[in-house]
Amino acid sequence: MPIGAATMSPVMEKMNAYPKYLFDQILPVLGHRVWEIGIGYGSYTRMLLQREKQILATDVDSECIATLQISLGQSFQIQWLHVNFCDHSSVSQAAVFGADSVICF
């Protein structure tokens, strides 16, 4: 069963309008400490950075995390974490972040 990058369409990496539309829908109720579940290509991660949010960027696919870390570089705004919801300990690590909002598109 495919997970992570194996489920992602390469077309999504180039999309701008649809992710922006979705982000704009949640922005009015979005807190400051955001746990992003499933960072994929990083569309929402970039939008969160532009809004100066503190981000816990997570994915089940370590390759997605590594690729986005290289693309975005170092930032005090982002914490990176491999999370597998079948593994209680990885979810517990995410809880330490203290998110006031969670997004998963």
N, C-alpha and C. Protein backbone atom coordinates (compact mmCIF):
# COMPACT_ATOMS: atom_id res chain seq x y z
N MET A 1 0.84 -1.18 0.00
CA MET A 1 0.00 0.00 0.00
C MET A 1 0.89 1.24 0.00
N PRO A 2 0.75 2.12 -0.98
CA PRO A 2 1.61 3.31 -1.06
C PRO A 2 1.29 4.32 0.04
N ILE A 3 2.35 4.98 0.51
CA ILE A 3 2.21 6.06 1.48
C ILE A 3 3.13 7.20 1.08
N GLY A 4 2.93 8.35 1.68
CA GLY A 4 3.82 9.48 1.48
C GLY A 4 3.94 9.91 0.04
N ALA A 5 5.18 10.11 -0.41
CA ALA A 5 5.44 10.61 -1.76
C ALA A 5 4.85 9.73 -2.84
N ALA A 6 4.70 8.44 -2.57
CA ALA A 6 4.13 7.53 -3.56
C ALA A 6 2.67 7.83 -3.86
N THR A 7 2.01 8.60 -3.02
CA THR A 7 0.60 8.94 -3.22
C THR A 7 0.42 10.34 -3.81
N MET A 8 1.52 11.06 -3.99
CA MET A 8 1.43 12.46 -4.41
C MET A 8 1.49 12.60 -5.92
N SER A 9 0.62 13.43 -6.46
CA SER A 9 0.64 13.73 -7.88
C SER A 9 1.67 14.84 -8.13
N PRO A 10 2.53 14.69 -9.13
CA PRO A 10 3.50 15.75 -9.42
C PRO A 10 2.84 17.06 -9.84
N VAL A 11 1.61 16.99 -10.28
CA VAL A 11 0.87 18.20 -10.67
C VAL A 11 0.64 19.10 -9.46
N MET A 12 0.45 18.50 -8.29
CA MET A 12 0.17 19.29 -7.08
C MET A 12 1.33 20.23 -6.72
N GLU A 13 2.54 19.84 -7.07
CA GLU A 13 3.70 20.67 -6.74
C GLU A 13 3.63 22.02 -7.46
N LYS A 14 3.00 22.04 -8.62
CA LYS A 14 2.95 23.26 -9.43
C LYS A 14 1.67 24.07 -9.21
N MET A 15 0.74 23.51 -8.46
CA MET A 15 -0.53 24.21 -8.22
C MET A 15 -0.33 25.35 -7.24
N ASN A 16 -0.98 26.47 -7.51
CA ASN A 16 -0.91 27.62 -6.61
C ASN A 16 -2.28 28.09 -6.17
N ALA A 17 -3.19 28.23 -7.12
CA ALA A 17 -4.49 28.84 -6.82
C ALA A 17 -5.32 28.00 -5.84
N TYR A 18 -5.39 26.71 -6.05
CA TYR A 18 -6.22 25.87 -5.19
C TYR A 18 -5.68 25.80 -3.75
N PRO A 19 -4.39 25.53 -3.55
CA PRO A 19 -3.89 25.56 -2.18
C PRO A 19 -4.08 26.93 -1.51
N LYS A 20 -3.88 28.00 -2.27
CA LYS A 20 -4.08 29.34 -1.70
C LYS A 20 -5.54 29.54 -1.31
N TYR A 21 -6.45 29.09 -2.15
CA TYR A 21 -7.88 29.19 -1.84
C TYR A 21 -8.19 28.45 -0.53
N LEU A 22 -7.72 27.21 -0.40
CA LEU A 22 -7.97 26.45 0.83
C LEU A 22 -7.35 27.13 2.04
N PHE A 23 -6.12 27.61 1.89
CA PHE A 23 -5.44 28.27 3.00
C PHE A 23 -6.20 29.52 3.44
N ASP A 24 -6.67 30.29 2.47
CA ASP A 24 -7.42 31.51 2.80
C ASP A 24 -8.71 31.20 3.56
N GLN A 25 -9.27 30.02 3.35
CA GLN A 25 -10.50 29.63 4.04
C GLN A 25 -10.25 29.40 5.54
N ILE A 26 -9.08 28.89 5.89
CA ILE A 26 -8.79 28.58 7.29
C ILE A 26 -8.03 29.69 8.00
N LEU A 27 -7.43 30.58 7.26
CA LEU A 27 -6.58 31.62 7.85
C LEU A 27 -7.25 32.42 8.96
N PRO A 28 -8.51 32.81 8.84
CA PRO A 28 -9.12 33.61 9.92
C PRO A 28 -9.19 32.90 11.27
N VAL A 29 -9.17 31.58 11.29
CA VAL A 29 -9.28 30.86 12.56
C VAL A 29 -7.98 30.13 12.93
N LEU A 30 -6.94 30.34 12.17
CA LEU A 30 -5.68 29.67 12.39
C LEU A 30 -4.92 30.32 13.54
N GLY A 31 -4.43 29.49 14.45
CA GLY A 31 -3.65 30.00 15.57
C GLY A 31 -2.22 30.29 15.16
N HIS A 32 -1.36 30.47 16.17
CA HIS A 32 0.04 30.82 15.91
C HIS A 32 0.94 29.58 15.83
N ARG A 33 0.62 28.53 16.58
CA ARG A 33 1.44 27.31 16.61
C ARG A 33 0.69 26.22 15.84
N VAL A 34 1.14 25.96 14.62
CA VAL A 34 0.39 25.11 13.70
C VAL A 34 1.11 23.79 13.46
N TRP A 35 0.41 22.71 13.70
CA TRP A 35 0.91 21.36 13.36
C TRP A 35 0.36 21.04 11.99
N GLU A 36 1.26 20.93 11.02
CA GLU A 36 0.87 20.56 9.65
C GLU A 36 1.12 19.08 9.46
N ILE A 37 0.06 18.34 9.24
CA ILE A 37 0.15 16.89 9.04
C ILE A 37 0.17 16.62 7.54
N GLY A 38 1.24 16.00 7.08
CA GLY A 38 1.37 15.69 5.66
C GLY A 38 1.86 16.87 4.86
N ILE A 39 3.14 17.22 4.99
CA ILE A 39 3.67 18.43 4.34
C ILE A 39 3.81 18.29 2.84
N GLY A 40 3.94 17.06 2.35
CA GLY A 40 4.01 16.86 0.90
C GLY A 40 5.05 17.73 0.24
N TYR A 41 4.62 18.54 -0.73
CA TYR A 41 5.52 19.42 -1.46
C TYR A 41 5.79 20.73 -0.73
N GLY A 42 5.08 21.00 0.35
CA GLY A 42 5.36 22.18 1.15
C GLY A 42 4.57 23.43 0.80
N SER A 43 3.50 23.30 0.04
CA SER A 43 2.71 24.48 -0.34
C SER A 43 2.21 25.23 0.89
N TYR A 44 1.62 24.49 1.82
CA TYR A 44 1.05 25.14 3.01
C TYR A 44 2.14 25.55 3.98
N THR A 45 3.23 24.79 4.03
CA THR A 45 4.35 25.15 4.89
C THR A 45 4.87 26.53 4.49
N ARG A 46 5.00 26.76 3.20
CA ARG A 46 5.48 28.07 2.72
C ARG A 46 4.51 29.19 3.09
N MET A 47 3.22 28.92 2.95
CA MET A 47 2.22 29.94 3.30
C MET A 47 2.25 30.24 4.80
N LEU A 48 2.43 29.21 5.60
CA LEU A 48 2.53 29.40 7.05
C LEU A 48 3.76 30.22 7.40
N LEU A 49 4.87 29.96 6.73
CA LEU A 49 6.09 30.74 6.96
C LEU A 49 5.86 32.21 6.63
N GLN A 50 5.18 32.49 5.51
CA GLN A 50 4.91 33.87 5.12
C GLN A 50 4.05 34.59 6.15
N ARG A 51 3.23 33.84 6.87
CA ARG A 51 2.36 34.41 7.91
C ARG A 51 3.02 34.40 9.29
N GLU A 52 4.31 34.04 9.31
CA GLU A 52 5.12 34.04 10.53
C GLU A 52 4.55 33.14 11.62
N LYS A 53 4.04 31.98 11.22
CA LYS A 53 3.53 30.99 12.17
C LYS A 53 4.69 30.12 12.66
N GLN A 54 4.54 29.57 13.84
CA GLN A 54 5.43 28.52 14.34
C GLN A 54 4.86 27.21 13.81
N ILE A 55 5.69 26.38 13.20
CA ILE A 55 5.18 25.23 12.46
C ILE A 55 5.84 23.94 12.96
N LEU A 56 5.01 22.94 13.18
CA LEU A 56 5.49 21.57 13.34
C LEU A 56 5.16 20.89 12.02
N ALA A 57 6.17 20.73 11.19
CA ALA A 57 5.99 20.16 9.85
C ALA A 57 6.22 18.66 9.93
N THR A 58 5.17 17.88 9.67
CA THR A 58 5.27 16.43 9.82
C THR A 58 4.81 15.70 8.56
N ASP A 59 5.36 14.50 8.42
CA ASP A 59 4.93 13.64 7.32
C ASP A 59 5.29 12.21 7.70
N VAL A 60 4.60 11.27 7.10
CA VAL A 60 4.91 9.85 7.29
C VAL A 60 6.10 9.45 6.43
N ASP A 61 6.42 10.27 5.44
CA ASP A 61 7.50 9.98 4.50
C ASP A 61 8.71 10.86 4.83
N SER A 62 9.76 10.25 5.31
CA SER A 62 10.98 10.99 5.68
C SER A 62 11.59 11.71 4.49
N GLU A 63 11.40 11.17 3.29
CA GLU A 63 11.93 11.82 2.08
C GLU A 63 11.26 13.17 1.84
N CYS A 64 9.97 13.25 2.08
CA CYS A 64 9.26 14.53 1.93
C CYS A 64 9.85 15.57 2.89
N ILE A 65 10.10 15.14 4.11
CA ILE A 65 10.67 16.05 5.11
C ILE A 65 12.06 16.51 4.68
N ALA A 66 12.91 15.57 4.29
CA ALA A 66 14.28 15.90 3.90
C ALA A 66 14.31 16.85 2.71
N THR A 67 13.47 16.59 1.72
CA THR A 67 13.43 17.43 0.52
C THR A 67 13.01 18.85 0.86
N LEU A 68 12.00 18.98 1.72
CA LEU A 68 11.51 20.32 2.08
C LEU A 68 12.50 21.04 2.99
N GLN A 69 13.19 20.32 3.85
CA GLN A 69 14.22 20.93 4.68
C GLN A 69 15.30 21.57 3.81
N ILE A 70 15.71 20.86 2.77
CA ILE A 70 16.72 21.39 1.86
C ILE A 70 16.17 22.61 1.11
N SER A 71 14.94 22.50 0.64
CA SER A 71 14.32 23.57 -0.14
C SER A 71 14.14 24.85 0.68
N LEU A 72 13.70 24.71 1.92
CA LEU A 72 13.40 25.89 2.75
C LEU A 72 14.57 26.36 3.58
N GLY A 73 15.56 25.52 3.78
CA GLY A 73 16.71 25.90 4.60
C GLY A 73 16.34 25.92 6.07
N GLN A 74 17.23 26.44 6.88
CA GLN A 74 17.02 26.50 8.32
C GLN A 74 16.10 27.68 8.67
N SER A 75 15.20 27.43 9.60
CA SER A 75 14.31 28.49 10.08
C SER A 75 13.93 28.18 11.52
N PHE A 76 13.98 29.20 12.36
CA PHE A 76 13.57 29.02 13.75
C PHE A 76 12.06 28.78 13.85
N GLN A 77 11.34 29.03 12.78
CA GLN A 77 9.89 28.88 12.78
C GLN A 77 9.42 27.44 12.59
N ILE A 78 10.32 26.56 12.12
CA ILE A 78 9.89 25.21 11.77
C ILE A 78 10.60 24.16 12.63
N GLN A 79 9.79 23.23 13.12
CA GLN A 79 10.31 22.00 13.71
C GLN A 79 9.86 20.87 12.78
N TRP A 80 10.74 19.93 12.54
CA TRP A 80 10.47 18.82 11.63
C TRP A 80 10.32 17.54 12.41
N LEU A 81 9.35 16.71 12.00
CA LEU A 81 9.14 15.45 12.70
C LEU A 81 8.51 14.42 11.79
N HIS A 82 9.10 13.23 11.77
CA HIS A 82 8.50 12.10 11.07
C HIS A 82 7.42 11.55 11.99
N VAL A 83 6.18 11.53 11.51
CA VAL A 83 5.06 11.03 12.31
C VAL A 83 4.32 9.95 11.55
N ASN A 84 4.15 8.83 12.23
CA ASN A 84 3.35 7.73 11.71
C ASN A 84 2.23 7.50 12.72
N PHE A 85 1.01 7.70 12.34
CA PHE A 85 -0.11 7.61 13.28
C PHE A 85 -0.36 6.19 13.78
N CYS A 86 0.34 5.22 13.22
CA CYS A 86 0.28 3.85 13.75
C CYS A 86 1.31 3.65 14.87
N ASP A 87 2.15 4.65 15.09
CA ASP A 87 3.19 4.60 16.10
C ASP A 87 2.91 5.65 17.17
N HIS A 88 2.40 5.20 18.29
CA HIS A 88 1.99 6.11 19.37
C HIS A 88 3.12 7.04 19.82
N SER A 89 4.35 6.54 19.84
CA SER A 89 5.45 7.37 20.33
C SER A 89 5.71 8.57 19.42
N SER A 90 5.56 8.41 18.12
CA SER A 90 5.79 9.55 17.23
C SER A 90 4.69 10.60 17.39
N VAL A 91 3.47 10.16 17.64
CA VAL A 91 2.37 11.10 17.87
C VAL A 91 2.59 11.82 19.21
N SER A 92 3.08 11.11 20.20
CA SER A 92 3.38 11.71 21.50
C SER A 92 4.44 12.80 21.37
N GLN A 93 5.42 12.58 20.51
CA GLN A 93 6.45 13.60 20.28
C GLN A 93 5.84 14.86 19.68
N ALA A 94 4.88 14.69 18.81
CA ALA A 94 4.22 15.84 18.19
C ALA A 94 3.42 16.64 19.22
N ALA A 95 2.86 15.95 20.20
CA ALA A 95 2.05 16.63 21.22
C ALA A 95 2.89 17.62 22.03
N VAL A 96 4.16 17.36 22.17
CA VAL A 96 5.06 18.24 22.93
C VAL A 96 5.12 19.64 22.32
N PHE A 97 4.90 19.73 21.03
CA PHE A 97 4.93 21.02 20.32
C PHE A 97 3.89 22.00 20.88
N GLY A 98 2.76 21.50 21.34
CA GLY A 98 1.73 22.37 21.90
C GLY A 98 0.99 23.19 20.86
N ALA A 99 0.59 22.53 19.79
CA ALA A 99 -0.12 23.24 18.71
C ALA A 99 -1.45 23.81 19.18
N ASP A 100 -1.79 24.98 18.66
CA ASP A 100 -3.12 25.53 18.89
C ASP A 100 -4.01 25.36 17.66
N SER A 101 -3.39 24.88 16.58
CA SER A 101 -4.13 24.57 15.34
C SER A 101 -3.46 23.38 14.67
N VAL A 102 -4.27 22.61 13.97
CA VAL A 102 -3.78 21.47 13.21
C VAL A 102 -4.38 21.56 11.82
N ILE A 103 -3.53 21.42 10.80
CA ILE A 103 -4.04 21.38 9.43
C ILE A 103 -3.59 20.10 8.75
N CYS A 104 -4.47 19.58 7.92
CA CYS A 104 -4.18 18.38 7.15
C CYS A 104 -5.06 18.42 5.92
N PHE A 105 -4.46 18.74 4.78
CA PHE A 105 -5.25 18.81 3.55
C PHE A 105 -5.01 17.58 2.72
